[in-house]
Every structure is written in structure tokens, then in C-alpha cells.
C-alpha atoms as a PDB file:
ATOM      1  CA  UNK A   1     117.170 118.997 110.403  1.00  0.00           C
ATOM      2  CA  UNK A   2     113.778 120.368 111.524  1.00  0.00           C
ATOM      3  CA  UNK A   3     110.555 118.376 111.360  1.00  0.00           C
ATOM      4  CA  UNK A   4     107.334 120.371 111.525  1.00  0.00           C
ATOM      5  CA  UNK A   5     103.738 120.415 110.410  1.00  0.00           C
ATOM      6  CA  UNK A   6     103.489 121.298 106.774  1.00  0.00           C
ATOM      7  CA  UNK A   7     101.663 124.346 105.502  1.00  0.00           C
ATOM      8  CA  UNK A   8     100.174 125.208 102.167  1.00  0.00           C
ATOM      9  CA  UNK A   9     103.307 127.003 100.954  1.00  0.00           C
ATOM     10  CA  UNK A  10     105.168 123.677 101.267  1.00  0.00           C
ATOM     11  CA  UNK A  11     102.953 121.996  98.637  1.00  0.00           C
ATOM     12  CA  UNK A  12     105.156 122.939  95.697  1.00  0.00           C
ATOM     13  CA  UNK A  13     108.210 121.289  97.306  1.00  0.00           C
ATOM     14  CA  UNK A  14     106.132 118.308  98.430  1.00  0.00           C
ATOM     15  CA  UNK A  15     104.805 117.685  94.941  1.00  0.00           C
ATOM     16  CA  UNK A  16     108.350 117.866  93.500  1.00  0.00           C
ATOM     17  CA  UNK A  17     109.448 115.208  95.976  1.00  0.00           C
ATOM     18  CA  UNK A  18     106.373 113.087  95.152  1.00  0.00           C
ATOM     19  CA  UNK A  19     106.966 113.338  91.400  1.00  0.00           C
ATOM     20  CA  UNK A  20     110.570 112.227  91.898  1.00  0.00           C
ATOM     21  CA  UNK A  21     109.357 109.307  94.044  1.00  0.00           C
ATOM     22  CA  UNK A  22     106.886 108.314  91.347  1.00  0.00           C
ATOM     23  CA  UNK A  23     109.670 108.304  88.734  1.00  0.00           C
ATOM     24  CA  UNK A  24     111.837 106.142  91.029  1.00  0.00           C
ATOM     25  CA  UNK A  25     108.932 103.734  91.545  1.00  0.00           C
ATOM     26  CA  UNK A  26     108.195 103.501  87.841  1.00  0.00           C
ATOM     27  CA  UNK A  27     111.867 102.938  86.976  1.00  0.00           C
ATOM     28  CA  UNK A  28     112.089 100.199  89.614  1.00  0.00           C
ATOM     29  CA  UNK A  29     108.755  98.582  88.606  1.00  0.00           C
ATOM     30  CA  UNK A  30     107.131  99.325  91.958  1.00  0.00           C
ATOM     31  CA  UNK A  31     103.374  99.555  91.410  1.00  0.00           C
ATOM     32  CA  UNK A  32     102.702 101.579  94.563  1.00  0.00           C
ATOM     33  CA  UNK A  33     101.900 105.101  93.413  1.00  0.00           C
ATOM     34  CA  UNK A  34     100.268 106.014  90.092  1.00  0.00           C
ATOM     35  CA  UNK A  35     100.329 109.083  87.949  1.00  0.00           C
ATOM     36  CA  UNK A  36      97.187 110.281  89.757  1.00  0.00           C
ATOM     37  CA  UNK A  37      98.020 109.251  93.276  1.00  0.00           C
ATOM     38  CA  UNK A  38      99.036 110.770  95.530  1.00  0.00           C
ATOM     39  CA  UNK A  39      98.098 114.144  94.160  1.00  0.00           C
ATOM     40  CA  UNK A  40      97.790 117.680  95.454  1.00  0.00           C
ATOM     41  CA  UNK A  41      94.180 117.096  96.576  1.00  0.00           C
ATOM     42  CA  UNK A  42      95.340 114.233  98.811  1.00  0.00           C
ATOM     43  CA  UNK A  43      97.912 116.506 100.474  1.00  0.00           C
ATOM     44  CA  UNK A  44      95.446 119.330 100.795  1.00  0.00           C
ATOM     45  CA  UNK A  45      93.201 116.934 102.719  1.00  0.00           C
ATOM     46  CA  UNK A  46      96.179 115.918 104.863  1.00  0.00           C
ATOM     47  CA  UNK A  47      96.871 119.613 105.543  1.00  0.00           C
ATOM     48  CA  UNK A  48      93.275 120.138 106.561  1.00  0.00           C
ATOM     49  CA  UNK A  49      93.484 117.213 108.978  1.00  0.00           C
ATOM     50  CA  UNK A  50      96.868 118.589 110.309  1.00  0.00           C
ATOM     51  CA  UNK A  51      98.621 115.302 109.735  1.00  0.00           C
ATOM     52  CA  UNK A  52     101.166 116.238 107.041  1.00  0.00           C
ATOM     53  CA  UNK A  53     104.765 116.823 108.186  1.00  0.00           C
ATOM     54  CA  UNK A  54     107.927 117.971 106.431  1.00  0.00           C
ATOM     55  CA  UNK A  55     111.584 117.621 107.122  1.00  0.00           C
ATOM     56  CA  UNK A  56     113.723 120.600 106.187  1.00  0.00           C
ATOM     57  CA  UNK A  57     117.292 121.665 106.156  1.00  0.00           C
ATOM     58  CA  UNK A  58     118.161 125.378 105.841  1.00  0.00           C
ATOM     59  CA  UNK A  59     114.485 126.098 105.201  1.00  0.00           C
ATOM     60  CA  UNK A  60     114.423 123.682 102.224  1.00  0.00           C
ATOM     61  CA  UNK A  61     111.812 120.893 102.353  1.00  0.00           C
ATOM     62  CA  UNK A  62     113.674 117.646 101.745  1.00  0.00           C
ATOM     63  CA  UNK A  63     111.198 115.041 102.954  1.00  0.00           C
ATOM     64  CA  UNK A  64     107.592 114.535 103.998  1.00  0.00           C
ATOM     65  CA  UNK A  65     105.238 112.042 105.591  1.00  0.00           C
ATOM     66  CA  UNK A  66     101.732 111.726 106.987  1.00  0.00           C
ATOM     67  CA  UNK A  67     100.997 110.578 110.545  1.00  0.00           C
ATOM     68  CA  UNK A  68      97.422 109.506 111.168  1.00  0.00           C
ATOM     69  CA  UNK A  69      96.484 109.538 114.854  1.00  0.00           C
ATOM     70  CA  UNK A  70      92.822 108.606 114.810  1.00  0.00           C
ATOM     71  CA  UNK A  71      92.996 105.051 113.457  1.00  0.00           C
ATOM     72  CA  UNK A  72      93.109 103.864 109.885  1.00  0.00           C
ATOM     73  CA  UNK A  73      90.160 102.072 108.270  1.00  0.00           C
ATOM     74  CA  UNK A  74      92.513 100.007 106.133  1.00  0.00           C
ATOM     75  CA  UNK A  75      93.785  98.225 109.256  1.00  0.00           C
ATOM     76  CA  UNK A  76      90.312  97.247 110.472  1.00  0.00           C
ATOM     77  CA  UNK A  77      90.228  94.368 107.930  1.00  0.00           C
ATOM     78  CA  UNK A  78      93.817  93.239 108.106  1.00  0.00           C
ATOM     79  CA  UNK A  79      94.584  89.780 106.700  1.00  0.00           C
ATOM     80  CA  UNK A  80      96.767  88.814 109.676  1.00  0.00           C
ATOM     81  CA  UNK A  81      97.129  89.974 113.257  1.00  0.00           C
ATOM     82  CA  UNK A  82      98.621  93.159 114.621  1.00  0.00           C
ATOM     83  CA  UNK A  83     100.823  93.079 117.739  1.00  0.00           C
ATOM     84  CA  UNK A  84      98.595  95.407 119.743  1.00  0.00           C
ATOM     85  CA  UNK A  85      94.906  96.125 120.073  1.00  0.00           C
ATOM     86  CA  UNK A  86      95.641  99.480 121.683  1.00  0.00           C
ATOM     87  CA  UNK A  87      95.919 102.949 120.223  1.00  0.00           C
ATOM     88  CA  UNK A  88      98.201 103.312 117.234  1.00  0.00           C
ATOM     89  CA  UNK A  89      99.466 105.829 114.723  1.00  0.00           C
ATOM     90  CA  UNK A  90      99.978 105.083 111.060  1.00  0.00           C
ATOM     91  CA  UNK A  91     102.624 106.513 108.763  1.00  0.00           C
ATOM     92  CA  UNK A  92     101.641 107.025 105.118  1.00  0.00           C
ATOM     93  CA  UNK A  93     103.063 108.657 102.038  1.00  0.00           C
ATOM     94  CA  UNK A  94     106.665 108.998 103.272  1.00  0.00           C
ATOM     95  CA  UNK A  95     109.004 110.378 100.647  1.00  0.00           C
ATOM     96  CA  UNK A  96     112.448 111.971 100.548  1.00  0.00           C
ATOM     97  CA  UNK A  97     114.151 114.167  97.976  1.00  0.00           C
ATOM     98  CA  UNK A  98     116.685 111.782  96.343  1.00  0.00           C
ATOM     99  CA  UNK A  99     119.427 114.418  96.705  1.00  0.00           C
ATOM    100  CA  UNK A 100     119.203 113.932 100.484  1.00  0.00           C
ATOM    101  CA  UNK A 101     118.703 110.138 100.714  1.00  0.00           C
ATOM    102  CA  UNK A 102     122.051 109.656 102.535  1.00  0.00           C
ATOM    103  CA  UNK A 103     121.071 112.095 105.313  1.00  0.00           C
ATOM    104  CA  UNK A 104     118.719 109.824 107.298  1.00  0.00           C
ATOM    105  CA  UNK A 105     115.679 111.979 106.513  1.00  0.00           C
ATOM    106  CA  UNK A 106     113.217 109.072 106.646  1.00  0.00           C
ATOM    107  CA  UNK A 107     114.793 107.828 109.911  1.00  0.00           C
ATOM    108  CA  UNK A 108     114.439 111.320 111.408  1.00  0.00           C
ATOM    109  CA  UNK A 109     110.788 111.474 110.406  1.00  0.00           C
ATOM    110  CA  UNK A 110     110.225 108.016 111.886  1.00  0.00           C
ATOM    111  CA  UNK A 111     111.979 108.917 115.137  1.00  0.00           C
ATOM    112  CA  UNK A 112     109.972 112.128 115.367  1.00  0.00           C
ATOM    113  CA  UNK A 113     106.669 110.173 114.942  1.00  0.00           C
ATOM    114  CA  UNK A 114     107.662 107.547 117.460  1.00  0.00           C
ATOM    115  CA  UNK A 115     108.517 110.245 120.028  1.00  0.00           C
ATOM    116  CA  UNK A 116     105.230 112.013 119.360  1.00  0.00           C
ATOM    117  CA  UNK A 117     103.204 108.804 119.789  1.00  0.00           C
ATOM    118  CA  UNK A 118     105.078 107.922 123.005  1.00  0.00           C
ATOM    119  CA  UNK A 119     104.255 111.396 124.418  1.00  0.00           C
ATOM    120  CA  UNK A 120     100.603 110.743 123.552  1.00  0.00           C
ATOM    121  CA  UNK A 121     100.827 107.336 125.269  1.00  0.00           C
ATOM    122  CA  UNK A 122     100.021 105.329 122.113  1.00  0.00           C
ATOM    123  CA  UNK A 123     100.744 101.586 122.135  1.00  0.00           C
ATOM    124  CA  UNK A 124     102.268 101.222 118.677  1.00  0.00           C
ATOM    125  CA  UNK A 125     103.054 102.641 115.292  1.00  0.00           C
ATOM    126  CA  UNK A 126     102.089 101.024 111.963  1.00  0.00           C
ATOM    127  CA  UNK A 127     103.280 101.395 108.401  1.00  0.00           C
ATOM    128  CA  UNK A 128     102.677  99.563 105.144  1.00  0.00           C
ATOM    129  CA  UNK A 129     104.274  99.314 101.736  1.00  0.00           C
ATOM    130  CA  UNK A 130     104.084  97.509  98.407  1.00  0.00           C
ATOM    131  CA  UNK A 131     105.749  94.072  98.204  1.00  0.00           C
ATOM    132  CA  UNK A 132     108.029  95.287  95.414  1.00  0.00           C
ATOM    133  CA  UNK A 133     109.275  98.356  97.304  1.00  0.00           C
ATOM    134  CA  UNK A 134     112.458  96.612  98.490  1.00  0.00           C
ATOM    135  CA  UNK A 135     114.198  99.718  99.811  1.00  0.00           C
ATOM    136  CA  UNK A 136     111.175 100.645 101.938  1.00  0.00           C
ATOM    137  CA  UNK A 137     110.816  97.033 103.160  1.00  0.00           C
ATOM    138  CA  UNK A 138     114.474  97.103 104.276  1.00  0.00           C
ATOM    139  CA  UNK A 139     113.986 100.479 106.006  1.00  0.00           C
ATOM    140  CA  UNK A 140     110.906  99.250 107.861  1.00  0.00           C
ATOM    141  CA  UNK A 141     112.483  95.998 109.040  1.00  0.00           C
ATOM    142  CA  UNK A 142     115.817  97.693 109.939  1.00  0.00           C
ATOM    143  CA  UNK A 143     113.871 100.055 112.235  1.00  0.00           C
ATOM    144  CA  UNK A 144     112.290  97.326 114.360  1.00  0.00           C
ATOM    145  CA  UNK A 145     108.885  96.833 112.740  1.00  0.00           C
ATOM    146  CA  UNK A 146     107.397  93.386 112.574  1.00  0.00           C
ATOM    147  CA  UNK A 147     105.222  92.087 109.732  1.00  0.00           C
ATOM    148  CA  UNK A 148     101.640  91.673 110.851  1.00  0.00           C
ATOM    149  CA  UNK A 149      99.736  90.928 107.654  1.00  0.00           C
ATOM    150  CA  UNK A 150      98.241  92.388 104.514  1.00  0.00           C
ATOM    151  CA  UNK A 151      96.064  95.494 104.312  1.00  0.00           C
ATOM    152  CA  UNK A 152      94.169  96.748 101.240  1.00  0.00           C
ATOM    153  CA  UNK A 153      94.604 100.451 100.550  1.00  0.00           C
ATOM    154  CA  UNK A 154      91.640 102.035  98.785  1.00  0.00           C
ATOM    155  CA  UNK A 155      90.064  98.575  99.083  1.00  0.00           C
ATOM    156  CA  UNK A 156      92.051  96.993  96.272  1.00  0.00           C
ATOM    157  CA  UNK A 157      95.766  97.814  96.552  1.00  0.00           C
ATOM    158  CA  UNK A 158      97.535  95.117  98.563  1.00  0.00           C
ATOM    159  CA  UNK A 159     100.219  96.278 101.018  1.00  0.00           C
ATOM    160  CA  UNK A 160     102.411  94.505 103.524  1.00  0.00           C
ATOM    161  CA  UNK A 161     101.557  95.901 107.007  1.00  0.00           C
ATOM    162  CA  UNK A 162     104.062  96.261 109.808  1.00  0.00           C
ATOM    163  CA  UNK A 163     103.810  97.345 113.432  1.00  0.00           C
ATOM    164  CA  UNK A 164     106.261  98.404 116.107  1.00  0.00           C
ATOM    165  CA  UNK A 165     105.344  98.395 119.790  1.00  0.00           C
ATOM    166  CA  UNK A 166     106.138 101.603 121.649  1.00  0.00           C
ATOM    167  CA  UNK A 167     105.498 100.337 125.188  1.00  0.00           C
END
């Protein structure tokens, strides 16, 4: 499995993965992503900021995620307390093609991001998800993150925030 920065030609595969994730969320009554979010414009902005990554096997994009390195405004008003006041990276919009769920794609993306942040001497990594996204909650907790509070995405959407210290 290769993890790399995404490029514009990856957008078709990324949007297929996102649409499948939206169907999964709707079927499982997870009110995290809507029909209009995330959309191609969101990923074009991520591309422009060079923070969109893909996981691929045999040149096929099978997963994707965003890593924000320059802080995240949503965490400035957290209802709770983070573990660290130092520099942190934030993972957003992580999704995997369901045909590859058993191949640890999300774990490989997470490990890649943790290694990158350690190389950059960041103190921690943060992630958040909807309270009803039980599979993501299990994944986050299984990988050593600790709950640190509630953040509001786009000012109104409540998410459970987690953090993992890297030092």
C-alpha cells in the first residue's frame, strides 16, 4: 500500500469513495455527512492546500484522508480540554472503499500521519467524529486516542474530539 499526496486526477476515485461512505452513513443513521458535504469543491480546496492524501494498491485509490498541519479553528473553542497545548495535526474526512475495509487502510493512513507529525516535531494528533459513528469511535479509541471534549464543525455540527500525544 502506498500513501501519497492526492492530485486532481484522483478526484473521481475520491468522490466514489465519499459517495459510498455517505450511503453507509445514511443506512446506519449516522448524521455526519450530508448529500452536499463533503463535495468536490471541498476536496479541490484540500488539494490547493496540499493536505489531501490517498492510499492506493496497484495504482487504485482505495482510501483517503485530510491532514491539517496549521491548526484547526474548530478546536479553538473546544468544550473540554485537550491533552496538549503544543502544535498538533488534525485528521478530517477519512474514508475507505468498503471493498478494502479488511486491509487496514485507515490504520495505514493514521500511521502515516503520525509518522509525518513526529518528523515535524508536533506534540499531538487530533481527530473527531459524530457520536453515532460507532465504527469510527471504536477505531479512534483502539488506536490510542483519548476523548478530550466536543467541537463544533462548521459552527453547528457537534463532534466528539480526541487527541493522541506523540511525544
